[in-house]
Amino acid sequence: MSADPHPRVTQSGAPDETQAVRERYARRPPVDPRYSLLNPSALLAAQERQRAIAALFARLGWWDLASRRMLEVGCGTGGNLLELLRLGCAPEHLQGIELLEERAEQARRVLPATLAVHCADALALAAQIEPGSQDVVYQSTVFSSLLDDTFQQRLADLMWSWVRPGGGVLWYDFIYDNPRNPDVRGVPLRRLRQLFPQGRLSVRRLTLAPPVARAVVRVHPSLYSLFNTLVPLRTHVLAWIEKSPSP
C-alpha cells in the first residue's frame, strides 16, 4: 500500500459536493455487517480508537471532560457522541452535525435530548456556532468521503474557526486510497497539514487494515493485536491538531 498514489485534482467545477455526498451514501448498503460492532474486527478497531482518544485527553490533562465543549462534524447515527458521553462529557456541552436526515434522526433517538444534533451541511451553520467556542471539533472518516478539494478546505477552515485557542481538531481518518471504492479517497498527512497549516499536529497510527483484520480474527480475535504491531498495516491516523493558546 502507498499513501495517495494518484495526483490530487481540485474539482471546484464539480456538482455541489453536499449533493454528491448524499449520492455516495445512497450507493452504500443500509446495513453493512463488516462495520457492525457485532463483528469482532470492527469492535476491536473501535475499542482501539476509544483507548487512543482517552489517552489523548489524559495527556492533555483534561480529567474533567464535563466542562469541555465538543462538536462532531458528520456525527452519523451518534456512536461517537455516545463514546464521548461515556468518557464523561456533559450532553449539554456536546453537539453533532449530520448532513443525512435519516442518520440524524437515528442519532436523536439514542442521544439525550439536551445534546443538539443539527441536520444540515456544516457550512450552512457557520453563523450559528460561535467562533472559538469549542474545545474540540471532531471528525471521523468524513474528509475521506469528500472528493472536492475546495470543499474540503472550506470545511477545514470552518472547523478551525470554531476551535478556541488551546483546543483542537480531533481527526480520525484513513490515509490510503481504497482501489475498490471510488467514492472515497485517503487523506495523507501532507494533505492534513495543508488543511490546517496553523495547527500543531500530533499523530498516532491506528487500525489494522480492515480486510486483514477481518481475515485474522476469523482465526482468533487475539491476532488483531499481533498483526497490528506492524505499523505499515495500520490504515488510519488519530490526529490532534492544536490551536496555539492566545499570547
C-alpha atoms as a PDB file:
ATOM      1  CA  MET A   1       0.000   0.000   0.000  1.00  0.00           C
ATOM      2  CA  SER A   2       1.156   3.554  -0.697  1.00  0.00           C
ATOM      3  CA  ALA A   3      -0.326   6.791   0.502  1.00  0.00           C
ATOM      4  CA  ASP A   4      -2.182   8.957  -2.027  1.00  0.00           C
ATOM      5  CA  PRO A   5      -0.836   7.228  -5.190  1.00  0.00           C
ATOM      6  CA  HIS A   6      -2.945   9.343  -7.534  1.00  0.00           C
ATOM      7  CA  PRO A   7      -2.396  13.037  -8.217  1.00  0.00           C
ATOM      8  CA  ARG A   8      -4.882  15.201  -6.344  1.00  0.00           C
ATOM      9  CA  VAL A   9      -7.140  17.199  -8.647  1.00  0.00           C
ATOM     10  CA  THR A  10      -9.243  20.083  -7.440  1.00  0.00           C
ATOM     11  CA  GLN A  11     -12.842  19.625  -8.557  1.00  0.00           C
ATOM     12  CA  SER A  12     -14.174  23.124  -7.944  1.00  0.00           C
ATOM     13  CA  GLY A  13     -16.252  22.845 -11.106  1.00  0.00           C
ATOM     14  CA  ALA A  14     -17.957  19.609  -9.966  1.00  0.00           C
ATOM     15  CA  PRO A  15     -21.635  19.481  -8.921  1.00  0.00           C
ATOM     16  CA  ASP A  16     -22.461  20.594  -5.408  1.00  0.00           C
ATOM     17  CA  GLU A  17     -20.387  18.445  -3.082  1.00  0.00           C
ATOM     18  CA  THR A  18     -23.089  18.050  -0.459  1.00  0.00           C
ATOM     19  CA  GLN A  19     -25.408  16.518  -3.046  1.00  0.00           C
ATOM     20  CA  ALA A  20     -22.555  14.328  -4.262  1.00  0.00           C
ATOM     21  CA  VAL A  21     -22.044  13.068  -0.693  1.00  0.00           C
ATOM     22  CA  ARG A  22     -25.747  12.186  -0.443  1.00  0.00           C
ATOM     23  CA  GLU A  23     -25.462  10.211  -3.668  1.00  0.00           C
ATOM     24  CA  ARG A  24     -22.336   8.383  -2.490  1.00  0.00           C
ATOM     25  CA  TYR A  25     -24.021   7.342   0.745  1.00  0.00           C
ATOM     26  CA  ALA A  26     -27.126   6.242  -1.174  1.00  0.00           C
ATOM     27  CA  ARG A  27     -24.940   3.743  -3.031  1.00  0.00           C
ATOM     28  CA  ARG A  28     -23.847   2.123   0.231  1.00  0.00           C
ATOM     29  CA  PRO A  29     -25.827  -0.747   1.743  1.00  0.00           C
ATOM     30  CA  PRO A  30     -28.129   0.432   4.562  1.00  0.00           C
ATOM     31  CA  VAL A  31     -26.623  -2.179   6.892  1.00  0.00           C
ATOM     32  CA  ASP A  32     -23.101  -3.432   6.302  1.00  0.00           C
ATOM     33  CA  PRO A  33     -22.171  -6.250   8.689  1.00  0.00           C
ATOM     34  CA  ARG A  34     -18.481  -5.574   8.073  1.00  0.00           C
ATOM     35  CA  TYR A  35     -18.783  -2.393  10.145  1.00  0.00           C
ATOM     36  CA  SER A  36     -21.186  -3.622  12.803  1.00  0.00           C
ATOM     37  CA  LEU A  37     -19.780  -3.712  16.335  1.00  0.00           C
ATOM     38  CA  LEU A  38     -21.100  -7.275  16.448  1.00  0.00           C
ATOM     39  CA  ASN A  39     -18.303  -8.054  14.005  1.00  0.00           C
ATOM     40  CA  PRO A  40     -15.182  -8.742  16.130  1.00  0.00           C
ATOM     41  CA  SER A  41     -12.826  -6.948  13.727  1.00  0.00           C
ATOM     42  CA  ALA A  42     -14.936  -3.764  13.804  1.00  0.00           C
ATOM     43  CA  LEU A  43     -15.322  -3.953  17.576  1.00  0.00           C
ATOM     44  CA  LEU A  44     -11.581  -4.315  18.130  1.00  0.00           C
ATOM     45  CA  ALA A  45     -10.868  -1.349  15.857  1.00  0.00           C
ATOM     46  CA  ALA A  46     -13.445   0.797  17.673  1.00  0.00           C
ATOM     47  CA  GLN A  47     -12.040  -0.124  21.071  1.00  0.00           C
ATOM     48  CA  GLU A  48      -8.524   0.707  19.886  1.00  0.00           C
ATOM     49  CA  ARG A  49      -9.677   4.154  18.778  1.00  0.00           C
ATOM     50  CA  GLN A  50     -11.544   4.727  22.053  1.00  0.00           C
ATOM     51  CA  ARG A  51      -8.423   3.920  24.061  1.00  0.00           C
ATOM     52  CA  ALA A  52      -6.349   6.272  21.914  1.00  0.00           C
ATOM     53  CA  ILE A  53      -8.814   9.141  22.397  1.00  0.00           C
ATOM     54  CA  ALA A  54      -8.919   8.539  26.154  1.00  0.00           C
ATOM     55  CA  ALA A  55      -5.114   8.543  26.256  1.00  0.00           C
ATOM     56  CA  LEU A  56      -5.032  11.817  24.309  1.00  0.00           C
ATOM     57  CA  PHE A  57      -7.386  13.575  26.718  1.00  0.00           C
ATOM     58  CA  ALA A  58      -5.367  12.252  29.659  1.00  0.00           C
ATOM     59  CA  ARG A  59      -2.146  13.545  28.082  1.00  0.00           C
ATOM     60  CA  LEU A  60      -3.768  16.958  27.720  1.00  0.00           C
ATOM     61  CA  GLY A  61      -4.671  16.857  31.406  1.00  0.00           C
ATOM     62  CA  TRP A  62      -8.372  17.076  30.629  1.00  0.00           C
ATOM     63  CA  TRP A  63      -9.612  14.962  33.502  1.00  0.00           C
ATOM     64  CA  ASP A  64     -12.922  16.862  33.820  1.00  0.00           C
ATOM     65  CA  LEU A  65     -14.460  16.389  30.396  1.00  0.00           C
ATOM     66  CA  ALA A  66     -17.848  17.570  31.675  1.00  0.00           C
ATOM     67  CA  SER A  67     -16.577  21.145  31.393  1.00  0.00           C
ATOM     68  CA  ARG A  68     -15.346  20.748  27.796  1.00  0.00           C
ATOM     69  CA  ARG A  69     -17.385  21.832  24.794  1.00  0.00           C
ATOM     70  CA  MET A  70     -17.167  19.489  21.820  1.00  0.00           C
ATOM     71  CA  LEU A  71     -18.761  19.353  18.391  1.00  0.00           C
ATOM     72  CA  GLU A  72     -18.691  16.476  15.922  1.00  0.00           C
ATOM     73  CA  VAL A  73     -18.921  17.182  12.202  1.00  0.00           C
ATOM     74  CA  GLY A  74     -20.564  14.238  10.466  1.00  0.00           C
ATOM     75  CA  CYS A  75     -21.913  12.576  13.607  1.00  0.00           C
ATOM     76  CA  GLY A  76     -23.787   9.852  11.712  1.00  0.00           C
ATOM     77  CA  THR A  77     -26.086   7.853  13.958  1.00  0.00           C
ATOM     78  CA  GLY A  78     -24.470   9.163  17.140  1.00  0.00           C
ATOM     79  CA  GLY A  79     -21.992   6.411  18.005  1.00  0.00           C
ATOM     80  CA  ASN A  80     -19.006   8.698  18.572  1.00  0.00           C
ATOM     81  CA  LEU A  81     -21.053  11.114  20.667  1.00  0.00           C
ATOM     82  CA  LEU A  82     -22.156   8.192  22.829  1.00  0.00           C
ATOM     83  CA  GLU A  83     -18.487   7.324  23.334  1.00  0.00           C
ATOM     84  CA  LEU A  84     -17.760  10.898  24.444  1.00  0.00           C
ATOM     85  CA  LEU A  85     -20.633  10.713  26.935  1.00  0.00           C
ATOM     86  CA  ARG A  86     -19.153   7.520  28.374  1.00  0.00           C
ATOM     87  CA  LEU A  87     -15.804   9.299  28.757  1.00  0.00           C
ATOM     88  CA  GLY A  88     -17.506  11.906  30.946  1.00  0.00           C
ATOM     89  CA  CYS A  89     -18.634  14.669  28.586  1.00  0.00           C
ATOM     90  CA  ALA A  90     -21.823  16.520  29.518  1.00  0.00           C
ATOM     91  CA  PRO A  91     -24.607  16.217  26.918  1.00  0.00           C
ATOM     92  CA  GLU A  92     -25.423  19.927  27.100  1.00  0.00           C
ATOM     93  CA  HIS A  93     -21.823  20.678  26.058  1.00  0.00           C
ATOM     94  CA  LEU A  94     -21.884  18.338  23.055  1.00  0.00           C
ATOM     95  CA  GLN A  95     -23.235  18.985  19.564  1.00  0.00           C
ATOM     96  CA  GLY A  96     -23.409  16.943  16.393  1.00  0.00           C
ATOM     97  CA  ILE A  97     -23.821  17.945  12.765  1.00  0.00           C
ATOM     98  CA  GLU A  98     -25.113  15.407  10.255  1.00  0.00           C
ATOM     99  CA  LEU A  99     -25.959  16.007   6.607  1.00  0.00           C
ATOM    100  CA  LEU A 100     -28.227  12.988   6.108  1.00  0.00           C
ATOM    101  CA  GLU A 101     -31.663  13.315   7.696  1.00  0.00           C
ATOM    102  CA  GLU A 102     -32.211   9.618   8.396  1.00  0.00           C
ATOM    103  CA  ARG A 103     -28.882   9.314  10.216  1.00  0.00           C
ATOM    104  CA  ALA A 104     -29.527  12.498  12.196  1.00  0.00           C
ATOM    105  CA  GLU A 105     -32.901  11.132  13.325  1.00  0.00           C
ATOM    106  CA  GLN A 106     -31.278   7.879  14.449  1.00  0.00           C
ATOM    107  CA  ALA A 107     -28.765   9.892  16.446  1.00  0.00           C
ATOM    108  CA  ARG A 108     -31.519  11.891  18.128  1.00  0.00           C
ATOM    109  CA  ARG A 109     -33.273   8.663  19.152  1.00  0.00           C
ATOM    110  CA  VAL A 110     -30.248   7.320  21.029  1.00  0.00           C
ATOM    111  CA  LEU A 111     -28.763  10.534  22.437  1.00  0.00           C
ATOM    112  CA  PRO A 112     -30.001  12.665  25.365  1.00  0.00           C
ATOM    113  CA  ALA A 113     -32.445  15.391  24.427  1.00  0.00           C
ATOM    114  CA  THR A 114     -30.052  18.051  25.754  1.00  0.00           C
ATOM    115  CA  LEU A 115     -27.478  17.062  23.129  1.00  0.00           C
ATOM    116  CA  ALA A 116     -28.161  19.097  19.994  1.00  0.00           C
ATOM    117  CA  VAL A 117     -27.984  17.261  16.660  1.00  0.00           C
ATOM    118  CA  HIS A 118     -28.154  19.628  13.695  1.00  0.00           C
ATOM    119  CA  CYS A 119     -29.303  18.120  10.398  1.00  0.00           C
ATOM    120  CA  ALA A 120     -27.508  20.374   7.927  1.00  0.00           C
ATOM    121  CA  ASP A 121     -24.500  20.954   5.771  1.00  0.00           C
ATOM    122  CA  ALA A 122     -21.854  22.143   8.242  1.00  0.00           C
ATOM    123  CA  LEU A 123     -21.058  25.139   6.045  1.00  0.00           C
ATOM    124  CA  ALA A 124     -24.666  26.300   6.432  1.00  0.00           C
ATOM    125  CA  LEU A 125     -24.163  26.519  10.206  1.00  0.00           C
ATOM    126  CA  ALA A 126     -21.235  28.904  10.006  1.00  0.00           C
ATOM    127  CA  ALA A 127     -23.213  31.775  11.524  1.00  0.00           C
ATOM    128  CA  GLN A 128     -24.968  29.675  14.168  1.00  0.00           C
ATOM    129  CA  ILE A 129     -21.914  28.345  16.014  1.00  0.00           C
ATOM    130  CA  GLU A 130     -19.806  30.983  17.691  1.00  0.00           C
ATOM    131  CA  PRO A 131     -16.172  31.203  16.573  1.00  0.00           C
ATOM    132  CA  GLY A 132     -13.728  29.998  19.207  1.00  0.00           C
ATOM    133  CA  SER A 133     -16.499  28.323  21.227  1.00  0.00           C
ATOM    134  CA  GLN A 134     -15.360  24.677  21.119  1.00  0.00           C
ATOM    135  CA  ASP A 135     -12.600  22.847  22.975  1.00  0.00           C
ATOM    136  CA  VAL A 136     -12.787  20.024  20.405  1.00  0.00           C
ATOM    137  CA  VAL A 137     -14.136  19.829  16.874  1.00  0.00           C
ATOM    138  CA  TYR A 138     -14.153  16.151  15.915  1.00  0.00           C
ATOM    139  CA  GLN A 139     -14.362  14.458  12.544  1.00  0.00           C
ATOM    140  CA  SER A 140     -14.251  10.726  11.905  1.00  0.00           C
ATOM    141  CA  THR A 141     -13.978   9.453   8.306  1.00  0.00           C
ATOM    142  CA  VAL A 142     -15.748  12.497   6.892  1.00  0.00           C
ATOM    143  CA  PHE A 143     -12.958  14.028   4.833  1.00  0.00           C
ATOM    144  CA  SER A 144     -12.182  10.756   3.068  1.00  0.00           C
ATOM    145  CA  SER A 145     -15.730  10.946   1.667  1.00  0.00           C
ATOM    146  CA  LEU A 146     -15.215  14.481   0.298  1.00  0.00           C
ATOM    147  CA  LEU A 147     -13.708  14.391  -3.180  1.00  0.00           C
ATOM    148  CA  ASP A 148     -13.705  18.129  -3.868  1.00  0.00           C
ATOM    149  CA  ASP A 149     -10.506  19.778  -2.585  1.00  0.00           C
ATOM    150  CA  THR A 150     -12.059  23.232  -2.384  1.00  0.00           C
ATOM    151  CA  PHE A 151     -14.960  21.934  -0.290  1.00  0.00           C
ATOM    152  CA  GLN A 152     -12.508  20.085   1.973  1.00  0.00           C
ATOM    153  CA  GLN A 153     -10.573  23.280   2.607  1.00  0.00           C
ATOM    154  CA  ARG A 154     -13.704  25.349   3.274  1.00  0.00           C
ATOM    155  CA  LEU A 155     -14.890  22.803   5.818  1.00  0.00           C
ATOM    156  CA  ALA A 156     -11.464  22.606   7.458  1.00  0.00           C
ATOM    157  CA  ASP A 157     -11.315  26.400   7.734  1.00  0.00           C
ATOM    158  CA  LEU A 158     -14.761  26.486   9.322  1.00  0.00           C
ATOM    159  CA  MET A 159     -13.888  23.744  11.806  1.00  0.00           C
ATOM    160  CA  TRP A 160     -10.712  25.605  12.714  1.00  0.00           C
ATOM    161  CA  SER A 161     -12.665  28.831  13.298  1.00  0.00           C
ATOM    162  CA  TRP A 162     -14.881  27.061  15.829  1.00  0.00           C
ATOM    163  CA  VAL A 163     -11.902  25.876  17.931  1.00  0.00           C
ATOM    164  CA  ARG A 164     -10.883  28.021  20.868  1.00  0.00           C
ATOM    165  CA  PRO A 165      -7.185  28.789  21.497  1.00  0.00           C
ATOM    166  CA  GLY A 166      -5.759  25.859  23.449  1.00  0.00           C
ATOM    167  CA  GLY A 167      -8.314  23.473  21.944  1.00  0.00           C
ATOM    168  CA  GLY A 168      -8.022  21.495  18.752  1.00  0.00           C
ATOM    169  CA  VAL A 169      -9.431  19.454  15.934  1.00  0.00           C
ATOM    170  CA  LEU A 170      -9.690  15.741  16.732  1.00  0.00           C
ATOM    171  CA  TRP A 171      -9.241  13.807  13.482  1.00  0.00           C
ATOM    172  CA  TYR A 172      -9.705  10.125  12.675  1.00  0.00           C
ATOM    173  CA  ASP A 173      -9.496   9.077   9.050  1.00  0.00           C
ATOM    174  CA  PHE A 174      -7.693   6.752   6.692  1.00  0.00           C
ATOM    175  CA  ILE A 175      -4.603   7.698   4.743  1.00  0.00           C
ATOM    176  CA  TYR A 176      -4.694   5.205   1.855  1.00  0.00           C
ATOM    177  CA  ASP A 177      -6.911   5.152  -1.212  1.00  0.00           C
ATOM    178  CA  ASN A 178      -9.317   2.231  -1.467  1.00  0.00           C
ATOM    179  CA  PRO A 179      -8.993   0.887  -5.028  1.00  0.00           C
ATOM    180  CA  ARG A 180     -12.320  -0.937  -4.653  1.00  0.00           C
ATOM    181  CA  ASN A 181     -14.279   2.155  -3.663  1.00  0.00           C
ATOM    182  CA  PRO A 182     -14.129   5.231  -5.935  1.00  0.00           C
ATOM    183  CA  ASP A 183     -16.454   7.110  -3.567  1.00  0.00           C
ATOM    184  CA  VAL A 184     -13.659   7.636  -1.035  1.00  0.00           C
ATOM    185  CA  ARG A 185     -10.004   8.586  -1.066  1.00  0.00           C
ATOM    186  CA  GLY A 186      -7.336   8.597   1.594  1.00  0.00           C
ATOM    187  CA  VAL A 187      -6.206  11.771   3.328  1.00  0.00           C
ATOM    188  CA  PRO A 188      -2.425  11.523   3.745  1.00  0.00           C
ATOM    189  CA  LEU A 189      -0.568  13.542   6.348  1.00  0.00           C
ATOM    190  CA  ARG A 190       0.706  16.073   3.836  1.00  0.00           C
ATOM    191  CA  ARG A 191      -2.891  16.864   2.919  1.00  0.00           C
ATOM    192  CA  LEU A 192      -3.824  17.130   6.590  1.00  0.00           C
ATOM    193  CA  ARG A 193      -1.052  19.710   7.047  1.00  0.00           C
ATOM    194  CA  GLN A 194      -2.371  21.647   4.043  1.00  0.00           C
ATOM    195  CA  LEU A 195      -5.857  21.708   5.507  1.00  0.00           C
ATOM    196  CA  PHE A 196      -4.710  23.026   8.906  1.00  0.00           C
ATOM    197  CA  PRO A 197      -1.486  24.949   8.249  1.00  0.00           C
ATOM    198  CA  GLN A 198      -1.659  26.876  11.533  1.00  0.00           C
ATOM    199  CA  GLY A 199      -2.194  23.829  13.729  1.00  0.00           C
ATOM    200  CA  ARG A 200       0.337  21.976  15.822  1.00  0.00           C
ATOM    201  CA  LEU A 201      -0.050  18.376  14.730  1.00  0.00           C
ATOM    202  CA  SER A 202       0.423  15.193  16.740  1.00  0.00           C
ATOM    203  CA  VAL A 203      -0.392  11.894  15.070  1.00  0.00           C
ATOM    204  CA  ARG A 204      -0.867   8.273  16.074  1.00  0.00           C
ATOM    205  CA  ARG A 205      -1.254   5.473  13.530  1.00  0.00           C
ATOM    206  CA  LEU A 206      -4.191   3.176  14.310  1.00  0.00           C
ATOM    207  CA  THR A 207      -6.472   0.487  12.921  1.00  0.00           C
ATOM    208  CA  LEU A 208      -5.333  -2.715  11.327  1.00  0.00           C
ATOM    209  CA  ALA A 209      -6.297  -2.686   7.637  1.00  0.00           C
ATOM    210  CA  PRO A 210      -9.932  -3.870   7.692  1.00  0.00           C
ATOM    211  CA  PRO A 211      -9.533  -6.665   5.095  1.00  0.00           C
ATOM    212  CA  VAL A 212      -6.576  -8.018   7.065  1.00  0.00           C
ATOM    213  CA  ALA A 213      -8.422  -7.611  10.353  1.00  0.00           C
ATOM    214  CA  ARG A 214     -11.475  -9.491   9.130  1.00  0.00           C
ATOM    215  CA  ALA A 215      -9.297 -12.332   7.873  1.00  0.00           C
ATOM    216  CA  VAL A 216      -7.184 -12.774  11.006  1.00  0.00           C
ATOM    217  CA  VAL A 217      -9.980 -12.502  13.574  1.00  0.00           C
ATOM    218  CA  ARG A 218     -11.756 -15.368  11.856  1.00  0.00           C
ATOM    219  CA  VAL A 219      -8.813 -17.447  13.065  1.00  0.00           C
ATOM    220  CA  HIS A 220      -8.690 -15.856  16.530  1.00  0.00           C
ATOM    221  CA  PRO A 221      -9.508 -12.340  17.837  1.00  0.00           C
ATOM    222  CA  SER A 222      -6.109 -12.090  19.567  1.00  0.00           C
ATOM    223  CA  LEU A 223      -4.456 -11.988  16.131  1.00  0.00           C
ATOM    224  CA  TYR A 224      -5.784  -8.449  15.651  1.00  0.00           C
ATOM    225  CA  SER A 225      -3.317  -7.114  18.218  1.00  0.00           C
ATOM    226  CA  LEU A 226      -0.486  -9.252  16.870  1.00  0.00           C
ATOM    227  CA  PHE A 227      -0.845  -8.079  13.271  1.00  0.00           C
ATOM    228  CA  ASN A 228      -1.497  -4.520  14.430  1.00  0.00           C
ATOM    229  CA  THR A 229       2.065  -4.326  15.753  1.00  0.00           C
ATOM    230  CA  LEU A 230       3.113  -3.961  12.107  1.00  0.00           C
ATOM    231  CA  VAL A 231       2.751  -0.213  11.593  1.00  0.00           C
ATOM    232  CA  PRO A 232       2.530  -0.365   7.759  1.00  0.00           C
ATOM    233  CA  LEU A 233      -0.660  -2.415   8.145  1.00  0.00           C
ATOM    234  CA  ARG A 234      -2.368   0.410  10.064  1.00  0.00           C
ATOM    235  CA  THR A 235      -4.558   2.363   7.672  1.00  0.00           C
ATOM    236  CA  HIS A 236      -5.856   5.246   9.807  1.00  0.00           C
ATOM    237  CA  VAL A 237      -4.495   8.089  11.891  1.00  0.00           C
ATOM    238  CA  LEU A 238      -5.795   9.711  15.028  1.00  0.00           C
ATOM    239  CA  ALA A 239      -4.541  13.281  14.926  1.00  0.00           C
ATOM    240  CA  TRP A 240      -4.767  16.133  17.392  1.00  0.00           C
ATOM    241  CA  ILE A 241      -4.423  19.474  15.633  1.00  0.00           C
ATOM    242  CA  GLU A 242      -3.933  22.038  18.381  1.00  0.00           C
ATOM    243  CA  LYS A 243      -4.661  25.736  18.129  1.00  0.00           C
ATOM    244  CA  SER A 244      -1.978  27.673  19.983  1.00  0.00           C
ATOM    245  CA  PRO A 245      -3.194  29.452  23.133  1.00  0.00           C
ATOM    246  CA  SER A 246      -3.552  33.194  22.876  1.00  0.00           C
ATOM    247  CA  PRO A 247      -0.416  35.074  23.987  1.00  0.00           C
END
